[in-house]
Protein backbone atom coordinates (compact mmCIF):
# COMPACT_ATOMS: atom_id res chain seq x y z
CA UNK A 1 112.28 -199.22 44.47
CA UNK A 2 110.72 -196.38 42.41
CA UNK A 3 111.36 -196.46 38.67
CA UNK A 4 113.15 -193.43 37.20
CA UNK A 5 111.75 -192.21 33.86
CA UNK A 6 114.11 -191.64 31.00
CA UNK A 7 114.25 -188.34 29.11
CA UNK A 8 112.42 -189.85 26.11
CA UNK A 9 109.58 -191.03 28.36
CA UNK A 10 109.31 -187.61 30.01
CA UNK A 11 109.13 -185.85 26.62
CA UNK A 12 106.46 -188.28 25.40
CA UNK A 13 104.42 -187.70 28.56
CA UNK A 14 104.60 -183.90 28.24
CA UNK A 15 103.58 -184.10 24.58
CA UNK A 16 100.56 -186.23 25.45
CA UNK A 17 99.45 -183.83 28.25
CA UNK A 18 99.83 -180.80 25.99
CA UNK A 19 97.71 -182.41 23.26
CA UNK A 20 95.07 -183.36 25.77
CA UNK A 21 94.93 -179.82 27.22
CA UNK A 22 94.39 -178.41 23.75
CA UNK A 23 91.37 -180.63 23.20
CA UNK A 24 89.87 -179.65 26.57
CA UNK A 25 90.35 -175.97 25.83
CA UNK A 26 88.51 -176.35 22.53
CA UNK A 27 85.61 -178.06 24.29
CA UNK A 28 85.48 -175.39 27.00
CA UNK A 29 85.53 -172.69 24.34
CA UNK A 30 82.56 -174.29 22.60
CA UNK A 31 80.70 -174.52 25.94
CA UNK A 32 81.37 -170.86 26.65
CA UNK A 33 80.06 -169.88 23.24
CA UNK A 34 76.87 -171.88 23.85
CA UNK A 35 76.39 -170.35 27.28
CA UNK A 36 76.73 -166.83 25.92
CA UNK A 37 73.79 -167.41 23.56
CA UNK A 38 70.41 -167.12 25.31
CA UNK A 39 67.20 -167.88 23.48
CA UNK A 40 64.66 -165.05 23.75
CA UNK A 41 61.00 -165.65 23.08
CA UNK A 42 59.37 -162.46 21.84
CA UNK A 43 55.95 -163.93 22.60
CA UNK A 44 56.84 -164.21 26.30
CA UNK A 45 58.85 -161.11 27.21
CA UNK A 46 60.05 -160.76 30.81
CA UNK A 47 58.56 -157.37 31.59
CA UNK A 48 58.93 -157.73 35.36
CA UNK A 49 62.51 -157.86 36.64
CA UNK A 50 63.83 -160.46 39.08
CA UNK A 51 64.09 -157.85 41.83
CA UNK A 52 60.44 -156.93 41.36
CA UNK A 53 59.46 -160.61 41.36
CA UNK A 54 61.29 -161.08 44.67
CA UNK A 55 59.39 -158.13 46.14
CA UNK A 56 56.10 -159.69 45.02
CA UNK A 57 57.19 -162.97 46.59
CA UNK A 58 57.92 -161.30 49.94
CA UNK A 59 54.66 -159.38 49.86
CA UNK A 60 52.50 -162.40 49.04
CA UNK A 61 54.37 -164.56 51.53
CA UNK A 62 53.12 -162.14 54.20
CA UNK A 63 49.65 -162.38 52.66
CA UNK A 64 49.79 -166.17 52.93
CA UNK A 65 50.40 -165.91 56.68
CA UNK A 66 47.51 -163.46 57.20
CA UNK A 67 45.05 -165.41 55.05
CA UNK A 68 46.03 -168.66 56.76
CA UNK A 69 45.08 -167.14 60.12
CA UNK A 70 41.82 -165.82 58.67
CA UNK A 71 40.84 -169.21 57.22
CA UNK A 72 41.76 -170.97 60.48
CA UNK A 73 39.38 -168.67 62.37
CA UNK A 74 36.54 -169.08 59.84
CA UNK A 75 36.92 -172.84 59.39
CA UNK A 76 37.63 -173.51 63.10
CA UNK A 77 40.60 -175.68 62.18
CA UNK A 78 44.21 -175.28 61.09
CA UNK A 79 44.53 -174.06 57.50
CA UNK A 80 48.00 -173.90 55.95
CA UNK A 81 48.53 -171.37 53.15
CA UNK A 82 51.91 -171.61 51.40
CA UNK A 83 53.27 -169.53 48.55
CA UNK A 84 54.12 -171.84 45.63
CA UNK A 85 55.38 -169.57 42.86
CA UNK A 86 55.30 -166.14 41.23
CA UNK A 87 55.47 -166.41 37.42
CA UNK A 88 54.91 -164.14 34.45
CA UNK A 89 53.12 -165.76 31.51
CA UNK A 90 50.63 -164.71 28.87
CA UNK A 91 46.98 -164.27 29.74
CA UNK A 92 45.92 -167.01 27.34
CA UNK A 93 48.22 -169.52 29.06
CA UNK A 94 46.78 -168.56 32.44
CA UNK A 95 43.17 -169.00 31.25
CA UNK A 96 43.99 -172.40 29.72
CA UNK A 97 45.45 -173.55 33.06
CA UNK A 98 42.13 -172.99 34.88
CA UNK A 99 39.65 -175.81 35.36
CA UNK A 100 36.06 -175.49 34.15
CA UNK A 101 33.67 -175.07 35.90
CA UNK A 102 35.72 -172.74 38.06
CA UNK A 103 35.23 -170.39 40.99
CA UNK A 104 36.81 -167.22 39.65
CA UNK A 105 36.29 -163.64 40.81
CA UNK A 106 37.28 -160.45 39.00
CA UNK A 107 37.97 -157.36 41.07
CA UNK A 108 39.21 -153.81 40.68
CA UNK A 109 42.06 -152.67 42.91
CA UNK A 110 42.29 -148.87 42.81
CA UNK A 111 44.75 -147.26 42.03
CA UNK A 112 45.83 -150.24 39.89
CA UNK A 113 44.37 -149.97 36.42
CA UNK A 114 42.24 -152.65 34.79
CA UNK A 115 40.95 -155.77 36.50
CA UNK A 116 42.60 -158.59 38.46
CA UNK A 117 41.55 -162.20 39.04
CA UNK A 118 41.42 -164.65 41.94
CA UNK A 119 40.65 -168.31 41.26
CA UNK A 120 39.83 -171.11 43.71
CA UNK A 121 40.57 -174.59 42.38
CA UNK A 122 37.37 -176.77 42.40
CA UNK A 123 38.99 -179.24 44.80
CA UNK A 124 39.74 -176.42 47.23
CA UNK A 125 36.34 -174.79 46.71
CA UNK A 126 34.27 -177.83 47.69
CA UNK A 127 36.61 -178.67 50.57
CA UNK A 128 36.14 -175.16 52.02
CA UNK A 129 32.36 -175.29 51.53
CA UNK A 130 32.15 -178.72 53.16
CA UNK A 131 34.10 -177.45 56.16
CA UNK A 132 32.02 -174.25 56.44
CA UNK A 133 28.89 -176.43 56.75
CA UNK A 134 30.43 -178.53 59.53
CA UNK A 135 32.09 -181.32 57.55
CA UNK A 136 35.65 -182.54 57.68
CA UNK A 137 36.72 -180.72 54.53
CA UNK A 138 36.78 -183.93 52.50
CA UNK A 139 37.53 -183.93 48.80
CA UNK A 140 34.34 -184.07 46.73
CA UNK A 141 34.61 -185.50 43.24
CA UNK A 142 32.03 -183.17 41.77
CA UNK A 143 32.00 -181.56 38.34
CA UNK A 144 29.28 -178.96 38.68
CA UNK A 145 28.77 -175.25 39.17
CA UNK A 146 28.21 -173.73 42.60
CA UNK A 147 24.70 -173.27 43.94
CA UNK A 148 23.44 -169.92 45.21
CA UNK A 149 24.16 -170.80 48.85
CA UNK A 150 27.64 -172.10 47.99
CA UNK A 151 28.39 -168.91 46.05
CA UNK A 152 27.35 -166.89 49.10
CA UNK A 153 29.77 -168.85 51.29
CA UNK A 154 32.65 -168.44 48.84
CA UNK A 155 31.82 -164.75 48.50
CA UNK A 156 32.40 -164.36 52.24
CA UNK A 157 35.80 -166.06 51.96
CA UNK A 158 36.75 -163.87 49.01
CA UNK A 159 35.89 -160.70 50.96
CA UNK A 160 38.25 -161.84 53.71
CA UNK A 161 40.88 -162.44 51.02
CA UNK A 162 40.49 -158.88 49.73
CA UNK A 163 40.97 -157.51 53.25
CA UNK A 164 44.18 -159.48 53.81
CA UNK A 165 45.41 -158.62 50.32
CA UNK A 166 44.94 -154.91 51.02
CA UNK A 167 46.92 -155.35 54.22
CA UNK A 168 49.75 -157.09 52.35
CA UNK A 169 49.96 -154.33 49.71
CA UNK A 170 49.84 -151.38 52.13
CA UNK A 171 53.66 -151.07 52.28
CA UNK A 172 53.71 -150.45 48.52
CA UNK A 173 50.39 -148.78 47.77
CA UNK A 174 47.04 -148.46 49.54
CA UNK A 175 44.50 -150.51 47.57
CA UNK A 176 40.74 -150.16 47.51
CA UNK A 177 39.45 -153.52 46.29
CA UNK A 178 35.95 -153.88 44.84
CA UNK A 179 34.62 -157.18 43.52
CA UNK A 180 33.27 -156.96 39.98
CA UNK A 181 31.98 -160.36 38.88
CA UNK A 182 31.87 -164.09 39.48
CA UNK A 183 32.50 -166.54 36.64
CA UNK A 184 32.37 -170.32 36.33
CA UNK A 185 33.74 -170.51 32.77
CA UNK A 186 37.26 -169.05 32.45
CA UNK A 187 36.86 -168.62 28.69
CA UNK A 188 34.31 -165.84 29.30
CA UNK A 189 36.77 -163.77 31.35
CA UNK A 190 38.57 -161.24 29.17
CA UNK A 191 40.23 -158.56 31.29
CA UNK A 192 43.23 -158.14 28.92
CA UNK A 193 44.15 -159.37 25.41
CA UNK A 194 45.28 -163.03 25.18
CA UNK A 195 48.90 -162.13 24.41
CA UNK A 196 49.26 -159.66 27.30
CA UNK A 197 51.77 -160.50 30.06
CA UNK A 198 50.32 -161.30 33.48
CA UNK A 199 51.92 -162.07 36.84
CA UNK A 200 50.44 -165.23 38.36
CA UNK A 201 50.83 -165.88 42.10
CA UNK A 202 49.99 -169.44 43.20
CA UNK A 203 49.25 -170.63 46.74
CA UNK A 204 48.69 -174.10 48.12
CA UNK A 205 46.00 -174.34 50.79
CA UNK A 206 45.73 -177.43 52.98
CA UNK A 207 42.71 -178.14 55.19
CA UNK A 208 42.76 -181.55 56.90
CA UNK A 209 43.66 -183.97 54.09
CA UNK A 210 42.40 -181.71 51.29
CA UNK A 211 44.82 -179.66 49.24
CA UNK A 212 44.00 -177.16 46.52
CA UNK A 213 45.39 -174.18 44.67
CA UNK A 214 44.49 -170.53 45.07
CA UNK A 215 45.68 -168.31 42.21
CA UNK A 216 45.96 -164.53 41.91
CA UNK A 217 46.46 -162.91 38.52
CA UNK A 218 47.77 -159.37 38.02
CA UNK A 219 47.90 -158.07 34.42
CA UNK A 220 51.06 -156.15 33.66
CA UNK A 221 49.00 -153.13 32.60
CA UNK A 222 47.63 -153.02 36.15
CA UNK A 223 51.08 -153.18 37.77
CA UNK A 224 52.72 -150.79 35.32
CA UNK A 225 51.82 -147.52 37.18
CA UNK A 226 53.46 -148.76 40.40
CA UNK A 227 56.10 -151.09 38.92
CA UNK A 228 58.93 -148.80 40.04
CA UNK A 229 57.82 -149.17 43.65
CA UNK A 230 58.28 -152.95 43.49
CA UNK A 231 61.92 -152.85 44.53
CA UNK A 232 63.58 -154.51 47.49
CA UNK A 233 64.90 -151.21 48.87
CA UNK A 234 61.51 -149.53 48.63
CA UNK A 235 59.91 -152.55 50.33
CA UNK A 236 62.42 -152.39 53.22
CA UNK A 237 62.04 -148.61 53.65
CA UNK A 238 58.24 -148.82 53.62
CA UNK A 239 58.29 -151.66 56.17
CA UNK A 240 60.54 -149.68 58.51
CA UNK A 241 58.32 -146.60 58.21
CA UNK A 242 55.23 -148.68 58.89
CA UNK A 243 56.82 -150.19 62.01
CA UNK A 244 57.79 -146.74 63.29
CA UNK A 245 54.28 -145.38 62.71
CA UNK A 246 52.72 -148.39 64.44
CA UNK A 247 55.07 -148.08 67.42
CA UNK A 248 54.31 -144.36 67.71
CA UNK A 249 50.56 -145.05 67.62
CA UNK A 250 50.81 -147.82 70.22
CA UNK A 251 52.87 -145.63 72.55
CA UNK A 252 50.40 -142.78 72.18
CA UNK A 253 47.45 -145.06 72.98
CA UNK A 254 49.25 -146.46 76.00
CA UNK A 255 50.10 -142.99 77.31
CA UNK A 256 46.51 -141.79 76.94
CA UNK A 257 45.44 -144.28 79.63
CA UNK A 258 48.13 -143.28 82.17
CA UNK A 259 47.02 -141.26 85.23
CA UNK A 260 49.59 -138.55 85.97
CA UNK A 261 49.79 -136.09 88.87
CA UNK A 262 50.38 -132.53 87.66
CA UNK A 263 51.18 -129.77 90.20
CA UNK A 264 52.01 -126.07 89.87
CA UNK A 265 54.29 -124.39 92.42
CA UNK A 266 52.98 -120.88 93.04
CA UNK A 267 55.72 -119.77 95.43
CA UNK A 268 58.44 -121.00 97.76
CA UNK A 269 59.37 -119.13 100.92
CA UNK A 270 60.76 -119.79 104.39
CA UNK A 271 58.84 -119.00 107.58
CA UNK A 272 59.19 -120.02 111.18
CA UNK A 273 57.15 -122.86 112.66
CA UNK A 274 55.54 -120.43 115.13
CA UNK A 275 54.36 -118.26 112.21
CA UNK A 276 53.13 -121.31 110.29
CA UNK A 277 51.07 -122.52 113.26
CA UNK A 278 49.57 -119.08 113.69
CA UNK A 279 48.38 -118.68 110.08
CA UNK A 280 44.71 -117.69 109.71
CA UNK A 281 42.44 -117.23 106.67
CA UNK A 282 43.24 -113.89 105.11
CA UNK A 283 46.84 -113.73 106.28
CA UNK A 284 49.43 -112.72 103.70
CA UNK A 285 52.61 -114.75 103.19
CA UNK A 286 55.29 -112.58 101.54
CA UNK A 287 57.39 -114.01 98.71
CA UNK A 288 60.45 -112.80 96.87
CA UNK A 289 59.01 -113.97 93.50
CA UNK A 290 57.46 -111.29 91.30
CA UNK A 291 53.93 -111.78 89.98
CA UNK A 292 55.22 -111.52 86.38
CA UNK A 293 57.68 -114.37 86.84
CA UNK A 294 56.64 -117.80 85.50
CA UNK A 295 55.91 -120.63 87.90
CA UNK A 296 57.11 -124.23 87.62
CA UNK A 297 54.78 -127.09 86.63
CA UNK A 298 55.70 -130.58 87.86
CA UNK A 299 54.66 -133.90 86.30
CA UNK A 300 55.08 -136.79 88.73
CA UNK A 301 57.31 -134.54 90.89
CA UNK A 302 59.61 -133.71 87.96
CA UNK A 303 59.76 -130.14 86.68
CA UNK A 304 58.61 -130.17 83.04
CA UNK A 305 57.14 -126.75 82.11
CA UNK A 306 57.00 -123.06 83.00
CA UNK A 307 53.57 -121.46 83.17
CA UNK A 308 51.70 -118.24 83.97
CA UNK A 309 49.00 -118.42 86.70
CA UNK A 310 45.52 -117.09 86.02
CA UNK A 311 41.83 -118.00 85.75
CA UNK A 312 39.89 -120.16 83.31
CA UNK A 313 36.28 -119.15 83.81
CA UNK A 314 35.78 -119.37 87.56
CA UNK A 315 38.58 -121.89 88.07
CA UNK A 316 42.20 -121.23 88.88
CA UNK A 317 44.50 -122.39 86.07
CA UNK A 318 47.96 -122.05 84.59
CA UNK A 319 48.93 -121.40 80.99
CA UNK A 320 52.01 -123.27 79.73
CA UNK A 321 54.53 -120.80 78.33
CA UNK A 322 57.55 -122.98 77.57
CA UNK A 323 59.00 -126.42 78.30
CA UNK A 324 61.65 -126.83 80.95
CA UNK A 325 65.24 -127.41 79.85
CA UNK A 326 65.82 -130.93 81.24
CA UNK A 327 69.60 -130.80 80.65
CA UNK A 328 69.91 -127.52 82.59
CA UNK A 329 67.74 -129.00 85.34
CA UNK A 330 70.00 -132.06 85.70
CA UNK A 331 73.15 -129.94 85.89
């Protein structure tokens, strides 16, 4: 049998609950006050918005797919290229994160101002070189600079990277990339002041059992002229326009290779079979159509144009005067 609480017990219970709720409210109020306060580091300002970062992520995710296919063709094996992160840090922090000796290239990407960087992690560099010379892409524990031949091989891979990077950026801006220099010591690379904000895009490349990092660095001063174009809506609109232009070009190329029968109907009249069988060269067939009236031009037996008959040099020809009204033709 259930126990029935007395009025004194009910009052004591309500008092206890009320006191407890008051304490919880005070704690929640303190938590809300703490959440409303956000620490801001003036040394690391977020100059690129989250929407622009997402656009860069989408763009470089496409680049990862293209460059993965390019590496697979060059290395004659499967190469996985995955986007790891897109971060904005200071230039000094980026330089300190690089390993020395490094395989770092500086390049100019017109119309972006200033210079940009691309860095191959040493582990990745020697794995790619080993595979290019017929090896299994094994990890080489080597702490040395690249030889002349190895630099030539990596230069070829970097040129392919520039081509795919241009392709990835074409929805935003058409880049003209030109390599400027090759450096093995990151401390000697000074494209912007140490405190300047840069956008760092990191990729993980896997070839066989070897894994290494590929890093792209865009100084904010380079992105600033086109920073307003790095929006999700602009990216979507540019992608749609690109797809429409590509479809139009493909359709035009396909139509150029199609053989089509074009005929011009000079006149139409009715004669008897006896007259038709008795026609001889030089005979005149009368027609009700005037010589000034346009004639019909048919494409694959469908009337498409009106034209005026005449001569082109010594050849008979017709001159298109106007297209045929398809809707009027169907009715």
